C-alpha atoms as a PDB file:
ATOM      1  CA  MET A   1      69.277 137.097  16.844  1.00  0.00           C
ATOM      2  CA  VAL A   2      72.807 136.991  15.557  1.00  0.00           C
ATOM      3  CA  GLN A   3      73.476 140.704  16.567  1.00  0.00           C
ATOM      4  CA  PHE A   4      72.417 139.999  20.181  1.00  0.00           C
ATOM      5  CA  GLN A   5      73.935 136.443  20.555  1.00  0.00           C
ATOM      6  CA  ALA A   6      75.866 137.530  23.700  1.00  0.00           C
ATOM      7  CA  ALA A   7      72.825 138.987  25.401  1.00  0.00           C
ATOM      8  CA  PRO A   8      69.670 136.862  24.705  1.00  0.00           C
ATOM      9  CA  TRP A   9      67.618 138.912  27.197  1.00  0.00           C
ATOM     10  CA  LEU A  10      67.808 141.806  24.619  1.00  0.00           C
ATOM     11  CA  VAL A  11      66.039 139.656  22.147  1.00  0.00           C
ATOM     12  CA  VAL A  12      63.240 139.054  24.550  1.00  0.00           C
ATOM     13  CA  LEU A  13      63.167 142.759  25.330  1.00  0.00           C
ATOM     14  CA  VAL A  14      62.875 143.721  21.621  1.00  0.00           C
ATOM     15  CA  VAL A  15      59.917 141.378  21.206  1.00  0.00           C
ATOM     16  CA  ALA A  16      58.236 141.969  24.601  1.00  0.00           C
ATOM     17  CA  VAL A  17      58.307 145.704  24.889  1.00  0.00           C
ATOM     18  CA  PRO A  18      56.433 146.424  21.394  1.00  0.00           C
ATOM     19  CA  GLY A  19      54.027 143.574  22.339  1.00  0.00           C
ATOM     20  CA  ILE A  20      53.124 144.988  25.743  1.00  0.00           C
ATOM     21  CA  LEU A  21      52.661 148.459  24.206  1.00  0.00           C
ATOM     22  CA  GLN A  22      50.403 147.137  21.471  1.00  0.00           C
ATOM     23  CA  ASN A  23      48.303 145.187  23.898  1.00  0.00           C
ATOM     24  CA  MET A  24      47.919 148.177  26.200  1.00  0.00           C
ATOM     25  CA  LEU A  25      47.017 150.558  23.387  1.00  0.00           C
ATOM     26  CA  GLY A  26      44.490 148.165  21.558  1.00  0.00           C
ATOM     27  CA  ASN A  27      42.889 146.811  24.823  1.00  0.00           C
ATOM     28  CA  ILE A  28      42.958 149.730  27.176  1.00  0.00           C
ATOM     29  CA  ILE A  29      43.750 153.155  25.761  1.00  0.00           C
ATOM     30  CA  GLU A  30      41.962 153.184  22.439  1.00  0.00           C
ATOM     31  CA  PRO A  31      38.551 151.850  23.681  1.00  0.00           C
ATOM     32  CA  LYS A  32      38.541 154.356  26.397  1.00  0.00           C
ATOM     33  CA  LEU A  33      39.358 157.209  23.939  1.00  0.00           C
ATOM     34  CA  GLN A  34      36.716 155.926  21.454  1.00  0.00           C
ATOM     35  CA  GLY A  35      34.182 155.498  24.286  1.00  0.00           C
ATOM     36  CA  GLU A  36      34.567 159.002  25.531  1.00  0.00           C
ATOM     37  CA  GLY A  37      34.286 160.393  22.003  1.00  0.00           C
ATOM     38  CA  LEU A  38      31.235 158.544  21.112  1.00  0.00           C
ATOM     39  CA  ASN A  39      29.646 158.477  24.627  1.00  0.00           C
ATOM     40  CA  LEU A  40      30.101 154.704  24.858  1.00  0.00           C
ATOM     41  CA  HIS A  41      31.522 152.764  27.807  1.00  0.00           C
ATOM     42  CA  PRO A  42      35.000 151.165  26.983  1.00  0.00           C
ATOM     43  CA  VAL A  43      33.618 147.682  27.662  1.00  0.00           C
ATOM     44  CA  THR A  44      30.854 148.428  25.098  1.00  0.00           C
ATOM     45  CA  VAL A  45      33.468 149.376  22.647  1.00  0.00           C
ATOM     46  CA  ILE A  46      35.393 146.121  23.106  1.00  0.00           C
ATOM     47  CA  LEU A  47      32.212 143.957  22.894  1.00  0.00           C
ATOM     48  CA  ALA A  48      31.192 145.860  19.695  1.00  0.00           C
ATOM     49  CA  LEU A  49      34.590 145.263  18.343  1.00  0.00           C
ATOM     50  CA  SER A  50      34.290 141.398  19.048  1.00  0.00           C
ATOM     51  CA  PHE A  51      30.705 141.208  17.879  1.00  0.00           C
ATOM     52  CA  TRP A  52      31.126 143.186  14.570  1.00  0.00           C
ATOM     53  CA  GLY A  53      34.432 141.604  13.846  1.00  0.00           C
ATOM     54  CA  LEU A  54      32.905 138.085  14.333  1.00  0.00           C
ATOM     55  CA  ILE A  55      30.009 139.121  11.843  1.00  0.00           C
ATOM     56  CA  TRP A  56      31.986 141.177   9.239  1.00  0.00           C
ATOM     57  CA  GLY A  57      35.613 140.600  10.091  1.00  0.00           C
ATOM     58  CA  ILE A  58      38.060 143.476   9.629  1.00  0.00           C
ATOM     59  CA  VAL A  59      35.419 145.753   8.038  1.00  0.00           C
ATOM     60  CA  GLY A  60      33.107 145.096  10.808  1.00  0.00           C
ATOM     61  CA  MET A  61      35.833 146.135  13.346  1.00  0.00           C
ATOM     62  CA  PHE A  62      36.301 149.344  11.527  1.00  0.00           C
ATOM     63  CA  LEU A  63      32.589 150.129  11.601  1.00  0.00           C
ATOM     64  CA  ALA A  64      31.883 148.753  15.070  1.00  0.00           C
ATOM     65  CA  ALA A  65      32.187 151.876  17.064  1.00  0.00           C
ATOM     66  CA  PRO A  66      30.106 154.069  14.697  1.00  0.00           C
ATOM     67  CA  ILE A  67      27.416 151.453  14.308  1.00  0.00           C
ATOM     68  CA  THR A  68      27.192 151.106  18.062  1.00  0.00           C
ATOM     69  CA  ALA A  69      26.966 154.724  18.679  1.00  0.00           C
ATOM     70  CA  ALA A  70      24.157 155.025  15.974  1.00  0.00           C
ATOM     71  CA  VAL A  71      22.379 152.107  17.801  1.00  0.00           C
ATOM     72  CA  ARG A  72      22.835 154.138  21.045  1.00  0.00           C
ATOM     73  CA  VAL A  73      21.392 157.225  19.503  1.00  0.00           C
ATOM     74  CA  PHE A  74      18.394 155.253  18.077  1.00  0.00           C
ATOM     75  CA  LEU A  75      17.758 153.537  21.503  1.00  0.00           C
ATOM     76  CA  MET A  76      17.835 156.948  23.267  1.00  0.00           C
ATOM     77  CA  GLN A  77      14.919 158.181  21.157  1.00  0.00           C
ATOM     78  CA  PHE A  78      12.407 155.866  22.823  1.00  0.00           C
ATOM     79  CA  ASP A  79      11.493 155.978  26.508  1.00  0.00           C
ATOM     80  CA  THR A  80      11.061 152.207  26.776  1.00  0.00           C
ATOM     81  CA  LEU A  81      14.479 151.604  25.138  1.00  0.00           C
ATOM     82  CA  LYS A  82      16.351 154.483  26.998  1.00  0.00           C
ATOM     83  CA  PRO A  83      17.678 152.304  29.848  1.00  0.00           C
ATOM     84  CA  ILE A  84      19.536 150.085  27.287  1.00  0.00           C
ATOM     85  CA  GLY A  85      20.906 153.168  25.585  1.00  0.00           C
ATOM     86  CA  LYS A  86      22.114 154.476  29.018  1.00  0.00           C
ATOM     87  CA  LEU A  87      23.680 151.155  29.665  1.00  0.00           C
ATOM     88  CA  LEU A  88      25.711 151.312  26.495  1.00  0.00           C
ATOM     89  CA  ALA A  89      27.100 154.658  27.747  1.00  0.00           C
ATOM     90  CA  GLY A  90      27.926 152.992  31.123  1.00  0.00           C
ATOM     91  CA  ASP A  91      25.310 154.969  32.971  1.00  0.00           C
ATOM     92  CA  LEU A  92      23.833 152.708  35.649  1.00  0.00           C
ATOM     93  CA  SER A  93      21.939 155.163  37.538  1.00  0.00           C
ATOM     94  CA  PRO A  94      18.172 154.278  37.913  1.00  0.00           C
ATOM     95  CA  THR A  95      15.810 155.755  35.357  1.00  0.00           C
ATOM     96  CA  GLU A  96      12.932 157.836  36.341  1.00  0.00           C
ATOM     97  CA  ALA A  97       9.505 156.554  35.319  1.00  0.00           C
ATOM     98  CA  PRO A  98       7.743 158.840  32.963  1.00  0.00           C
ATOM     99  CA  ALA A  99       5.180 161.143  34.640  1.00  0.00           C
ATOM    100  CA  GLU A 100       1.511 160.372  33.860  1.00  0.00           C
ATOM    101  CA  SER A 101      -0.919 163.255  33.474  1.00  0.00           C
END
């Protein structure tokens, strides 16, 4: 603050630029990258971070993406739960009914 006394807008710039970058990285870029790597939709990753962070705190936030990916793999193993697993991946296409023989 003392160093930039003549130009207070520099103080705002020094605080705002890292804040904006951190927000963009944490809320947009990282969920998108994690979602692509784990075959989860970015919204699913954000909701998982919120849910597991609420349940287990910081540890839950570290484990949120792997736990959700494991849940998705589990759901994809059963025909009746497959639509939920596809929804976690962001696939909204209609599912085909299993063929009866």
